[in-house]
C-alpha atoms as a PDB file:
ATOM      1  CA  MET A   1    -105.135  95.219-115.127  1.00  0.00           C
ATOM      2  CA  GLU A   2    -103.612  94.135-111.820  1.00  0.00           C
ATOM      3  CA  ILE A   3    -101.074  91.310-112.156  1.00  0.00           C
ATOM      4  CA  SER A   4    -100.476  89.375-108.949  1.00  0.00           C
ATOM      5  CA  ALA A   5     -96.964  88.740-107.661  1.00  0.00           C
ATOM      6  CA  ALA A   6     -97.815  85.024-107.468  1.00  0.00           C
ATOM      7  CA  LEU A   7     -98.607  84.896-111.206  1.00  0.00           C
ATOM      8  CA  VAL A   8     -95.374  86.738-112.030  1.00  0.00           C
ATOM      9  CA  LYS A   9     -93.440  84.241-109.920  1.00  0.00           C
ATOM     10  CA  GLU A  10     -95.154  81.306-111.684  1.00  0.00           C
ATOM     11  CA  LEU A  11     -94.119  82.692-115.062  1.00  0.00           C
ATOM     12  CA  ARG A  12     -90.576  83.351-113.837  1.00  0.00           C
ATOM     13  CA  ASP A  13     -90.263  79.798-112.459  1.00  0.00           C
ATOM     14  CA  GLU A  14     -91.506  78.389-115.769  1.00  0.00           C
ATOM     15  CA  THR A  15     -89.295  80.508-118.056  1.00  0.00           C
ATOM     16  CA  ASN A  16     -86.282  81.646-115.978  1.00  0.00           C
ATOM     17  CA  VAL A  17     -86.883  85.180-117.280  1.00  0.00           C
ATOM     18  CA  GLY A  18     -86.515  88.204-114.957  1.00  0.00           C
ATOM     19  CA  MET A  19     -89.458  89.371-112.859  1.00  0.00           C
ATOM     20  CA  MET A  20     -89.897  92.729-114.637  1.00  0.00           C
ATOM     21  CA  GLU A  21     -89.931  91.150-118.106  1.00  0.00           C
ATOM     22  CA  CYS A  22     -92.406  88.558-116.878  1.00  0.00           C
ATOM     23  CA  LYS A  23     -94.689  91.243-115.476  1.00  0.00           C
ATOM     24  CA  LYS A  24     -94.559  93.237-118.731  1.00  0.00           C
ATOM     25  CA  ALA A  25     -95.426  90.133-120.728  1.00  0.00           C
ATOM     26  CA  LEU A  26     -98.340  89.299-118.426  1.00  0.00           C
ATOM     27  CA  ILE A  27     -99.706  92.835-118.697  1.00  0.00           C
ATOM     28  CA  GLU A  28     -99.461  92.647-122.493  1.00  0.00           C
ATOM     29  CA  ALA A  29    -101.187  89.237-122.410  1.00  0.00           C
ATOM     30  CA  SER A  30    -103.946  90.507-120.069  1.00  0.00           C
ATOM     31  CA  GLY A  31    -102.923  87.987-117.430  1.00  0.00           C
ATOM     32  CA  ASP A  32    -102.928  84.935-119.741  1.00  0.00           C
ATOM     33  CA  LYS A  33     -99.805  82.983-118.745  1.00  0.00           C
ATOM     34  CA  GLU A  34     -99.625  80.871-121.918  1.00  0.00           C
ATOM     35  CA  LYS A  35     -99.793  84.006-124.089  1.00  0.00           C
ATOM     36  CA  ALA A  36     -97.153  85.627-121.884  1.00  0.00           C
ATOM     37  CA  VAL A  37     -94.811  82.653-122.431  1.00  0.00           C
ATOM     38  CA  LYS A  38     -95.270  83.029-126.192  1.00  0.00           C
ATOM     39  CA  ILE A  39     -94.548  86.771-126.000  1.00  0.00           C
ATOM     40  CA  LEU A  40     -91.328  86.118-124.059  1.00  0.00           C
ATOM     41  CA  ARG A  41     -90.263  83.475-126.576  1.00  0.00           C
ATOM     42  CA  GLU A  42     -90.948  85.801-129.494  1.00  0.00           C
ATOM     43  CA  ARG A  43     -88.647  88.311-127.822  1.00  0.00           C
ATOM     44  CA  GLY A  44     -85.991  85.626-127.491  1.00  0.00           C
ATOM     45  CA  LEU A  45     -86.099  85.738-123.704  1.00  0.00           C
ATOM     46  CA  ALA A  46     -87.590  82.314-122.981  1.00  0.00           C
ATOM     47  CA  ILE A  47     -86.379  79.046-124.483  1.00  0.00           C
ATOM     48  CA  ALA A  48     -88.525  76.254-125.886  1.00  0.00           C
ATOM     49  CA  GLY A  49     -89.940  73.942-123.291  1.00  0.00           C
ATOM     50  CA  LYS A  50     -92.925  71.773-122.606  1.00  0.00           C
ATOM     51  CA  LYS A  51     -95.323  73.464-120.223  1.00  0.00           C
ATOM     52  CA  ALA A  52     -95.013  71.961-116.761  1.00  0.00           C
ATOM     53  CA  SER A  53     -98.596  71.763-115.534  1.00  0.00           C
ATOM     54  CA  ARG A  54     -98.520  71.395-111.800  1.00  0.00           C
ATOM     55  CA  LEU A  55    -100.976  68.808-110.562  1.00  0.00           C
ATOM     56  CA  ALA A  56    -100.650  67.056-107.204  1.00  0.00           C
ATOM     57  CA  LYS A  57     -97.914  68.382-104.957  1.00  0.00           C
ATOM     58  CA  GLU A  58     -96.629  65.107-103.574  1.00  0.00           C
ATOM     59  CA  GLY A  59     -96.386  61.408-104.345  1.00  0.00           C
ATOM     60  CA  VAL A  60     -94.056  58.821-105.823  1.00  0.00           C
ATOM     61  CA  VAL A  61     -93.239  57.070-109.065  1.00  0.00           C
ATOM     62  CA  ALA A  62     -92.454  53.353-108.843  1.00  0.00           C
ATOM     63  CA  ALA A  63     -91.565  50.739-111.449  1.00  0.00           C
ATOM     64  CA  GLU A  64     -90.816  47.052-111.745  1.00  0.00           C
ATOM     65  CA  ILE A  65     -89.370  44.842-114.488  1.00  0.00           C
ATOM     66  CA  VAL A  66     -90.446  41.198-114.729  1.00  0.00           C
ATOM     67  CA  GLY A  67     -90.105  38.259-117.077  1.00  0.00           C
ATOM     68  CA  GLY A  68     -86.377  38.707-117.575  1.00  0.00           C
ATOM     69  CA  GLY A  69     -86.825  42.195-118.982  1.00  0.00           C
ATOM     70  CA  LYS A  70     -89.743  41.299-121.244  1.00  0.00           C
ATOM     71  CA  THR A  71     -92.358  43.242-119.266  1.00  0.00           C
ATOM     72  CA  GLY A  72     -92.175  46.506-117.362  1.00  0.00           C
ATOM     73  CA  VAL A  73     -94.733  48.566-115.444  1.00  0.00           C
ATOM     74  CA  MET A  74     -94.532  52.052-113.985  1.00  0.00           C
ATOM     75  CA  ILE A  75     -97.034  53.906-111.813  1.00  0.00           C
ATOM     76  CA  GLU A  76     -97.484  57.340-110.265  1.00  0.00           C
ATOM     77  CA  VAL A  77     -99.366  57.630-106.983  1.00  0.00           C
ATOM     78  CA  ASN A  78    -100.208  61.084-105.639  1.00  0.00           C
ATOM     79  CA  CYS A  79    -101.010  62.234-102.119  1.00  0.00           C
ATOM     80  CA  GLU A  80    -101.384  65.561-100.320  1.00  0.00           C
ATOM     81  CA  THR A  81     -98.204  65.793 -98.238  1.00  0.00           C
ATOM     82  CA  ASP A  82     -94.596  64.662 -98.379  1.00  0.00           C
ATOM     83  CA  PHE A  83     -95.056  63.275 -94.878  1.00  0.00           C
ATOM     84  CA  VAL A  84     -97.420  60.594 -96.210  1.00  0.00           C
ATOM     85  CA  THR A  85     -94.926  59.492 -98.892  1.00  0.00           C
ATOM     86  CA  ARG A  86     -92.599  58.459 -96.052  1.00  0.00           C
ATOM     87  CA  ASN A  87     -95.380  56.607 -94.228  1.00  0.00           C
ATOM     88  CA  ASP A  88     -94.876  52.806 -94.130  1.00  0.00           C
ATOM     89  CA  SER A  89     -98.563  52.246 -94.837  1.00  0.00           C
ATOM     90  CA  PHE A  90     -98.349  54.387 -97.997  1.00  0.00           C
ATOM     91  CA  LYS A  91     -95.189  52.583 -99.103  1.00  0.00           C
ATOM     92  CA  GLU A  92     -96.975  49.265 -98.670  1.00  0.00           C
ATOM     93  CA  LEU A  93     -99.853  50.552-100.782  1.00  0.00           C
ATOM     94  CA  VAL A  94     -97.420  51.466-103.577  1.00  0.00           C
ATOM     95  CA  LYS A  95     -95.993  47.927-103.475  1.00  0.00           C
ATOM     96  CA  GLN A  96     -99.482  46.447-103.690  1.00  0.00           C
ATOM     97  CA  LEU A  97    -100.347  48.758-106.574  1.00  0.00           C
ATOM     98  CA  LEU A  98     -97.228  47.646-108.454  1.00  0.00           C
ATOM     99  CA  GLU A  99     -98.272  44.030-107.982  1.00  0.00           C
ATOM    100  CA  THR A 100    -101.722  44.846-109.334  1.00  0.00           C
ATOM    101  CA  ALA A 101    -100.227  46.760-112.282  1.00  0.00           C
ATOM    102  CA  LYS A 102     -98.216  43.698-113.316  1.00  0.00           C
ATOM    103  CA  GLY A 103    -101.409  41.733-113.763  1.00  0.00           C
ATOM    104  CA  ILE A 104    -103.465  44.188-115.831  1.00  0.00           C
ATOM    105  CA  HIS A 105    -103.300  45.949-119.195  1.00  0.00           C
ATOM    106  CA  GLY A 106    -105.717  48.805-118.494  1.00  0.00           C
ATOM    107  CA  SER A 107    -106.320  51.498-115.891  1.00  0.00           C
ATOM    108  CA  LEU A 108    -104.722  50.827-112.519  1.00  0.00           C
ATOM    109  CA  ALA A 109    -106.935  53.495-110.945  1.00  0.00           C
ATOM    110  CA  GLU A 110    -110.000  51.483-111.893  1.00  0.00           C
ATOM    111  CA  ALA A 111    -108.524  48.100-110.989  1.00  0.00           C
ATOM    112  CA  ALA A 112    -107.349  49.241-107.550  1.00  0.00           C
ATOM    113  CA  LYS A 113    -110.219  51.563-106.636  1.00  0.00           C
ATOM    114  CA  ASP A 114    -111.321  49.629-103.537  1.00  0.00           C
ATOM    115  CA  MET A 115    -107.744  49.218-102.307  1.00  0.00           C
ATOM    116  CA  VAL A 116    -107.115  52.966-102.560  1.00  0.00           C
ATOM    117  CA  VAL A 117    -110.417  53.920-100.906  1.00  0.00           C
ATOM    118  CA  ALA A 118    -109.555  51.672 -97.952  1.00  0.00           C
ATOM    119  CA  LYS A 119    -106.110  53.242 -97.627  1.00  0.00           C
ATOM    120  CA  ILE A 120    -107.568  56.770 -97.732  1.00  0.00           C
ATOM    121  CA  ALA A 121    -109.793  55.858 -94.794  1.00  0.00           C
ATOM    122  CA  SER A 122    -106.787  54.425 -92.963  1.00  0.00           C
ATOM    123  CA  ILE A 123    -104.316  57.257 -93.585  1.00  0.00           C
ATOM    124  CA  GLY A 124    -106.817  60.114 -93.549  1.00  0.00           C
ATOM    125  CA  GLU A 125    -105.407  61.824 -96.629  1.00  0.00           C
ATOM    126  CA  ASN A 126    -106.541  61.814-100.240  1.00  0.00           C
ATOM    127  CA  ILE A 127    -104.602  59.403-102.480  1.00  0.00           C
ATOM    128  CA  ILE A 128    -104.845  59.216-106.271  1.00  0.00           C
ATOM    129  CA  VAL A 129    -103.460  56.609-108.656  1.00  0.00           C
ATOM    130  CA  ARG A 130    -102.710  59.172-111.309  1.00  0.00           C
ATOM    131  CA  ARG A 131    -101.359  57.067-114.165  1.00  0.00           C
ATOM    132  CA  ASN A 132     -99.751  53.787-115.107  1.00  0.00           C
ATOM    133  CA  VAL A 133     -98.007  52.333-118.139  1.00  0.00           C
ATOM    134  CA  ARG A 134     -97.073  48.810-119.176  1.00  0.00           C
ATOM    135  CA  TYR A 135     -94.588  47.656-121.820  1.00  0.00           C
ATOM    136  CA  ASP A 136     -94.501  44.104-123.191  1.00  0.00           C
ATOM    137  CA  VAL A 137     -91.569  43.441-125.529  1.00  0.00           C
ATOM    138  CA  PRO A 138     -92.409  41.945-128.922  1.00  0.00           C
ATOM    139  CA  GLY A 139     -89.463  40.069-130.404  1.00  0.00           C
ATOM    140  CA  GLU A 140     -85.915  40.678-129.215  1.00  0.00           C
ATOM    141  CA  GLY A 141     -85.066  43.440-126.781  1.00  0.00           C
ATOM    142  CA  ILE A 142     -85.636  44.456-123.177  1.00  0.00           C
ATOM    143  CA  VAL A 143     -87.520  46.911-121.023  1.00  0.00           C
ATOM    144  CA  ALA A 144     -85.632  48.829-118.335  1.00  0.00           C
ATOM    145  CA  SER A 145     -86.652  51.322-115.672  1.00  0.00           C
ATOM    146  CA  TYR A 146     -84.978  53.966-113.553  1.00  0.00           C
ATOM    147  CA  ILE A 147     -86.323  55.811-110.513  1.00  0.00           C
ATOM    148  CA  HIS A 148     -84.674  59.146-109.742  1.00  0.00           C
ATOM    149  CA  LEU A 149     -84.782  61.673-106.890  1.00  0.00           C
ATOM    150  CA  GLY A 150     -86.305  59.298-104.376  1.00  0.00           C
ATOM    151  CA  GLY A 151     -89.290  58.478-106.536  1.00  0.00           C
ATOM    152  CA  LYS A 152     -89.999  61.942-107.929  1.00  0.00           C
ATOM    153  CA  VAL A 153     -89.002  60.945-111.496  1.00  0.00           C
ATOM    154  CA  GLY A 154     -89.360  57.583-113.206  1.00  0.00           C
ATOM    155  CA  VAL A 155     -88.439  56.253-116.643  1.00  0.00           C
ATOM    156  CA  LEU A 156     -89.557  53.189-118.576  1.00  0.00           C
ATOM    157  CA  VAL A 157     -87.859  52.441-121.906  1.00  0.00           C
ATOM    158  CA  GLU A 158     -87.952  49.637-124.446  1.00  0.00           C
ATOM    159  CA  VAL A 159     -84.867  49.029-126.588  1.00  0.00           C
ATOM    160  CA  GLY A 160     -84.940  46.480-129.371  1.00  0.00           C
ATOM    161  CA  CYS A 161     -82.197  44.440-131.006  1.00  0.00           C
ATOM    162  CA  GLY A 162     -81.983  41.772-133.689  1.00  0.00           C
ATOM    163  CA  GLN A 163     -80.531  38.820-131.790  1.00  0.00           C
ATOM    164  CA  ALA A 164     -81.456  36.971-128.610  1.00  0.00           C
ATOM    165  CA  ALA A 165     -77.773  36.866-127.632  1.00  0.00           C
ATOM    166  CA  THR A 166     -77.642  40.667-127.668  1.00  0.00           C
ATOM    167  CA  ALA A 167     -80.605  40.987-125.309  1.00  0.00           C
ATOM    168  CA  ALA A 168     -78.782  38.760-122.805  1.00  0.00           C
ATOM    169  CA  ASN A 169     -75.446  40.580-123.146  1.00  0.00           C
ATOM    170  CA  PRO A 170     -74.435  42.689-120.098  1.00  0.00           C
ATOM    171  CA  ALA A 171     -73.006  45.357-122.439  1.00  0.00           C
ATOM    172  CA  PHE A 172     -76.433  45.778-124.050  1.00  0.00           C
ATOM    173  CA  LYS A 173     -78.113  45.996-120.666  1.00  0.00           C
ATOM    174  CA  GLU A 174     -75.595  48.636-119.625  1.00  0.00           C
ATOM    175  CA  VAL A 175     -76.333  50.890-122.611  1.00  0.00           C
ATOM    176  CA  VAL A 176     -80.074  50.523-121.989  1.00  0.00           C
ATOM    177  CA  LYS A 177     -79.484  51.558-118.377  1.00  0.00           C
ATOM    178  CA  ASP A 178     -77.533  54.598-119.599  1.00  0.00           C
ATOM    179  CA  ILE A 179     -80.472  55.557-121.813  1.00  0.00           C
ATOM    180  CA  THR A 180     -82.857  55.471-118.834  1.00  0.00           C
ATOM    181  CA  LEU A 181     -80.490  57.769-116.918  1.00  0.00           C
ATOM    182  CA  HIS A 182     -80.332  60.098-119.914  1.00  0.00           C
ATOM    183  CA  ILE A 183     -84.127  60.303-120.219  1.00  0.00           C
ATOM    184  CA  ALA A 184     -84.471  61.069-116.501  1.00  0.00           C
ATOM    185  CA  ALA A 185     -81.894  63.857-116.717  1.00  0.00           C
ATOM    186  CA  CYS A 186     -82.663  65.385-120.139  1.00  0.00           C
ATOM    187  CA  ASN A 187     -86.454  65.021-120.269  1.00  0.00           C
ATOM    188  CA  PRO A 188     -87.032  64.476-124.007  1.00  0.00           C
ATOM    189  CA  HIS A 189     -90.611  65.085-125.109  1.00  0.00           C
ATOM    190  CA  TYR A 190     -90.607  62.902-128.228  1.00  0.00           C
ATOM    191  CA  LEU A 191     -88.705  59.881-129.543  1.00  0.00           C
ATOM    192  CA  VAL A 192     -88.113  61.134-133.108  1.00  0.00           C
ATOM    193  CA  ARG A 193     -88.843  64.392-134.943  1.00  0.00           C
ATOM    194  CA  GLN A 194     -91.739  62.758-136.811  1.00  0.00           C
ATOM    195  CA  ASP A 195     -93.530  62.493-133.446  1.00  0.00           C
ATOM    196  CA  VAL A 196     -93.649  66.275-132.963  1.00  0.00           C
ATOM    197  CA  PRO A 197     -97.281  67.370-133.574  1.00  0.00           C
ATOM    198  CA  GLU A 198     -97.836  69.722-136.499  1.00  0.00           C
ATOM    199  CA  PRO A 199     -99.435  72.452-134.311  1.00  0.00           C
ATOM    200  CA  VAL A 200     -96.286  72.471-132.140  1.00  0.00           C
ATOM    201  CA  LEU A 201     -94.076  72.862-135.220  1.00  0.00           C
ATOM    202  CA  ALA A 202     -96.296  75.605-136.610  1.00  0.00           C
ATOM    203  CA  SER A 203     -96.093  77.497-133.314  1.00  0.00           C
ATOM    204  CA  GLU A 204     -92.301  77.143-133.187  1.00  0.00           C
ATOM    205  CA  LYS A 205     -91.940  78.415-136.773  1.00  0.00           C
ATOM    206  CA  GLU A 206     -94.164  81.403-135.987  1.00  0.00           C
ATOM    207  CA  ILE A 207     -92.112  82.289-132.922  1.00  0.00           C
ATOM    208  CA  TYR A 208     -88.781  81.965-134.758  1.00  0.00           C
ATOM    209  CA  ALA A 209     -90.021  84.094-137.654  1.00  0.00           C
ATOM    210  CA  LYS A 210     -91.106  86.866-135.263  1.00  0.00           C
ATOM    211  CA  GLN A 211     -87.669  86.810-133.637  1.00  0.00           C
ATOM    212  CA  VAL A 212     -86.093  87.910-136.938  1.00  0.00           C
ATOM    213  CA  THR A 213     -88.765  90.285-138.236  1.00  0.00           C
ATOM    214  CA  GLY A 214     -87.486  92.719-140.850  1.00  0.00           C
ATOM    215  CA  LYS A 215     -84.980  90.436-142.559  1.00  0.00           C
ATOM    216  CA  PRO A 216     -85.401  89.244-146.182  1.00  0.00           C
ATOM    217  CA  ALA A 217     -87.735  86.252-146.589  1.00  0.00           C
ATOM    218  CA  ASN A 218     -84.999  83.876-147.764  1.00  0.00           C
ATOM    219  CA  ILE A 219     -82.848  84.768-144.755  1.00  0.00           C
ATOM    220  CA  VAL A 220     -85.797  84.331-142.406  1.00  0.00           C
ATOM    221  CA  GLU A 221     -86.460  80.894-143.879  1.00  0.00           C
ATOM    222  CA  LYS A 222     -82.846  79.784-143.337  1.00  0.00           C
ATOM    223  CA  ILE A 223     -82.864  81.049-139.761  1.00  0.00           C
ATOM    224  CA  VAL A 224     -86.165  79.300-139.010  1.00  0.00           C
ATOM    225  CA  VAL A 225     -84.824  76.015-140.426  1.00  0.00           C
ATOM    226  CA  GLY A 226     -81.691  76.342-138.290  1.00  0.00           C
ATOM    227  CA  LYS A 227     -83.682  77.069-135.149  1.00  0.00           C
ATOM    228  CA  LEU A 228     -85.970  74.116-135.854  1.00  0.00           C
ATOM    229  CA  GLU A 229     -82.931  71.821-136.039  1.00  0.00           C
ATOM    230  CA  LYS A 230     -81.847  73.075-132.629  1.00  0.00           C
ATOM    231  CA  PHE A 231     -85.390  72.558-131.327  1.00  0.00           C
ATOM    232  CA  TYR A 232     -85.361  68.935-132.517  1.00  0.00           C
ATOM    233  CA  SER A 233     -82.009  68.387-130.790  1.00  0.00           C
ATOM    234  CA  GLN A 234     -83.541  69.618-127.532  1.00  0.00           C
ATOM    235  CA  VAL A 235     -86.835  67.728-127.519  1.00  0.00           C
ATOM    236  CA  CYS A 236     -86.308  64.522-129.558  1.00  0.00           C
ATOM    237  CA  LEU A 237     -84.582  61.708-127.672  1.00  0.00           C
ATOM    238  CA  VAL A 238     -82.610  60.241-130.586  1.00  0.00           C
ATOM    239  CA  GLU A 239     -81.223  63.687-131.518  1.00  0.00           C
ATOM    240  CA  GLN A 240     -80.211  64.794-128.025  1.00  0.00           C
ATOM    241  CA  GLY A 241     -76.582  64.837-126.962  1.00  0.00           C
ATOM    242  CA  PHE A 242     -75.922  61.859-124.687  1.00  0.00           C
ATOM    243  CA  VAL A 243     -75.858  63.031-121.063  1.00  0.00           C
ATOM    244  CA  LYS A 244     -72.504  61.297-120.424  1.00  0.00           C
ATOM    245  CA  ASP A 245     -70.971  62.599-123.685  1.00  0.00           C
ATOM    246  CA  PRO A 246     -72.891  65.587-125.111  1.00  0.00           C
ATOM    247  CA  GLU A 247     -70.804  65.542-128.312  1.00  0.00           C
ATOM    248  CA  GLN A 248     -72.382  62.178-129.185  1.00  0.00           C
ATOM    249  CA  THR A 249     -76.100  61.964-129.986  1.00  0.00           C
ATOM    250  CA  ILE A 250     -78.240  59.103-128.712  1.00  0.00           C
ATOM    251  CA  THR A 251     -78.492  57.837-132.304  1.00  0.00           C
ATOM    252  CA  GLU A 252     -74.694  57.818-132.596  1.00  0.00           C
ATOM    253  CA  LEU A 253     -74.449  56.028-129.241  1.00  0.00           C
ATOM    254  CA  LEU A 254     -76.807  53.292-130.455  1.00  0.00           C
ATOM    255  CA  VAL A 255     -74.893  52.883-133.728  1.00  0.00           C
ATOM    256  CA  ALA A 256     -71.539  52.652-131.926  1.00  0.00           C
ATOM    257  CA  LYS A 257     -72.793  50.150-129.343  1.00  0.00           C
ATOM    258  CA  GLY A 258     -74.526  48.175-132.080  1.00  0.00           C
ATOM    259  CA  LYS A 259     -71.231  47.791-133.940  1.00  0.00           C
ATOM    260  CA  GLU A 260     -69.534  46.598-130.765  1.00  0.00           C
ATOM    261  CA  LEU A 261     -72.283  44.004-130.271  1.00  0.00           C
ATOM    262  CA  GLY A 262     -72.584  43.051-133.933  1.00  0.00           C
ATOM    263  CA  ASP A 263     -76.257  44.015-133.988  1.00  0.00           C
ATOM    264  CA  GLN A 264     -78.661  46.886-134.663  1.00  0.00           C
ATOM    265  CA  LEU A 265     -80.138  48.666-131.634  1.00  0.00           C
ATOM    266  CA  ALA A 266     -83.231  50.852-131.615  1.00  0.00           C
ATOM    267  CA  ILE A 267     -85.240  52.662-128.949  1.00  0.00           C
ATOM    268  CA  ARG A 268     -88.840  51.631-129.589  1.00  0.00           C
ATOM    269  CA  ARG A 269     -90.604  53.766-126.990  1.00  0.00           C
ATOM    270  CA  PHE A 270     -90.175  55.481-123.639  1.00  0.00           C
ATOM    271  CA  THR A 271     -92.241  57.036-120.881  1.00  0.00           C
ATOM    272  CA  ARG A 272     -91.077  59.549-118.295  1.00  0.00           C
ATOM    273  CA  PHE A 273     -93.222  60.318-115.234  1.00  0.00           C
ATOM    274  CA  GLN A 274     -92.497  63.223-112.919  1.00  0.00           C
ATOM    275  CA  VAL A 275     -94.599  63.661-109.804  1.00  0.00           C
ATOM    276  CA  GLY A 276     -97.125  66.443-110.228  1.00  0.00           C
ATOM    277  CA  VAL A 277     -96.057  67.341-113.771  1.00  0.00           C
ATOM    278  CA  GLU A 278     -98.076  66.673-116.929  1.00  0.00           C
END
C-alpha cells in the first residue's frame, strides 16, 4: 500500500526513529501508526513513551493557587491560532475562566458556556475550554502550580506533610516548587508504579520479550524484569531522577528534605497539562 510522507513524518516525530525505518514499519503495519510504533519498539528502535495525541493546535494553560496554598485550579483553553493567544480579549477571557474555576468543583466548560460563546462571537475564532482540574488539600500540606513555556505546559501538584509548621516553612515550599519544575520538564505519566494500568504493563512485557527472542526463558525473564524497572524509572514520578540532580530520585529527595524539616513528606497527586496533547 502507499504510505504518505506526512504519515512517515508523524511517526518519525513521535519516535525519533529514521525515516526509512518508519516507512518500513508503516508498510508492515498496513498504515496503522500505533502498530508501527509497537513494531519499532519490538526492534529496539523506539523508546517507551506515552502517545502524544495532537488535539487543538494553539491555546494556553493557566493556574491559580488560593487559600494560602490549600486550593489550586488549573485550566486549558484552546483556540485556532497563536495570534489569538496574544490577543488582550482572549487573555481577559482566560482570567475570567480562572475566576470561575475557583468557584466550582465540576466542568468549567459547562459552567462557562455562555461566556465562551460570547467571546467566540467577539473574536471570530473557535475557543474551547478543554479541561480543568481542582485540588483541595485535606489535612496538612499545600498545592503548588507552575506554568512553563509561556502557557504551553502547566503543572498542579499536592504535597502533604505531617505538621502545620512544615506547610508554612519556606524550605518546604521551595521543595514543592522544585517538584513542579521537575514534572514540567520530565513529564511523568504516573505517580507510583502501582498506578500503571495492567494492559500497559502487559504490552511492555510483550515488547521486551520480543526484543530478546531466542534466549533461554529464565534469561528472558530476568531481562524483562530489568527493563520494567527502567520503564518505571522513566514514567513514575517518585522513581524518576530529580531534574536538578539525576542521581537522586524524587523519593530520595522527599526523604532527605523530610529529615531536614523533621517531618514526612509525600506527593499525593499531580496533573500536567500540555496544550494540544492528551
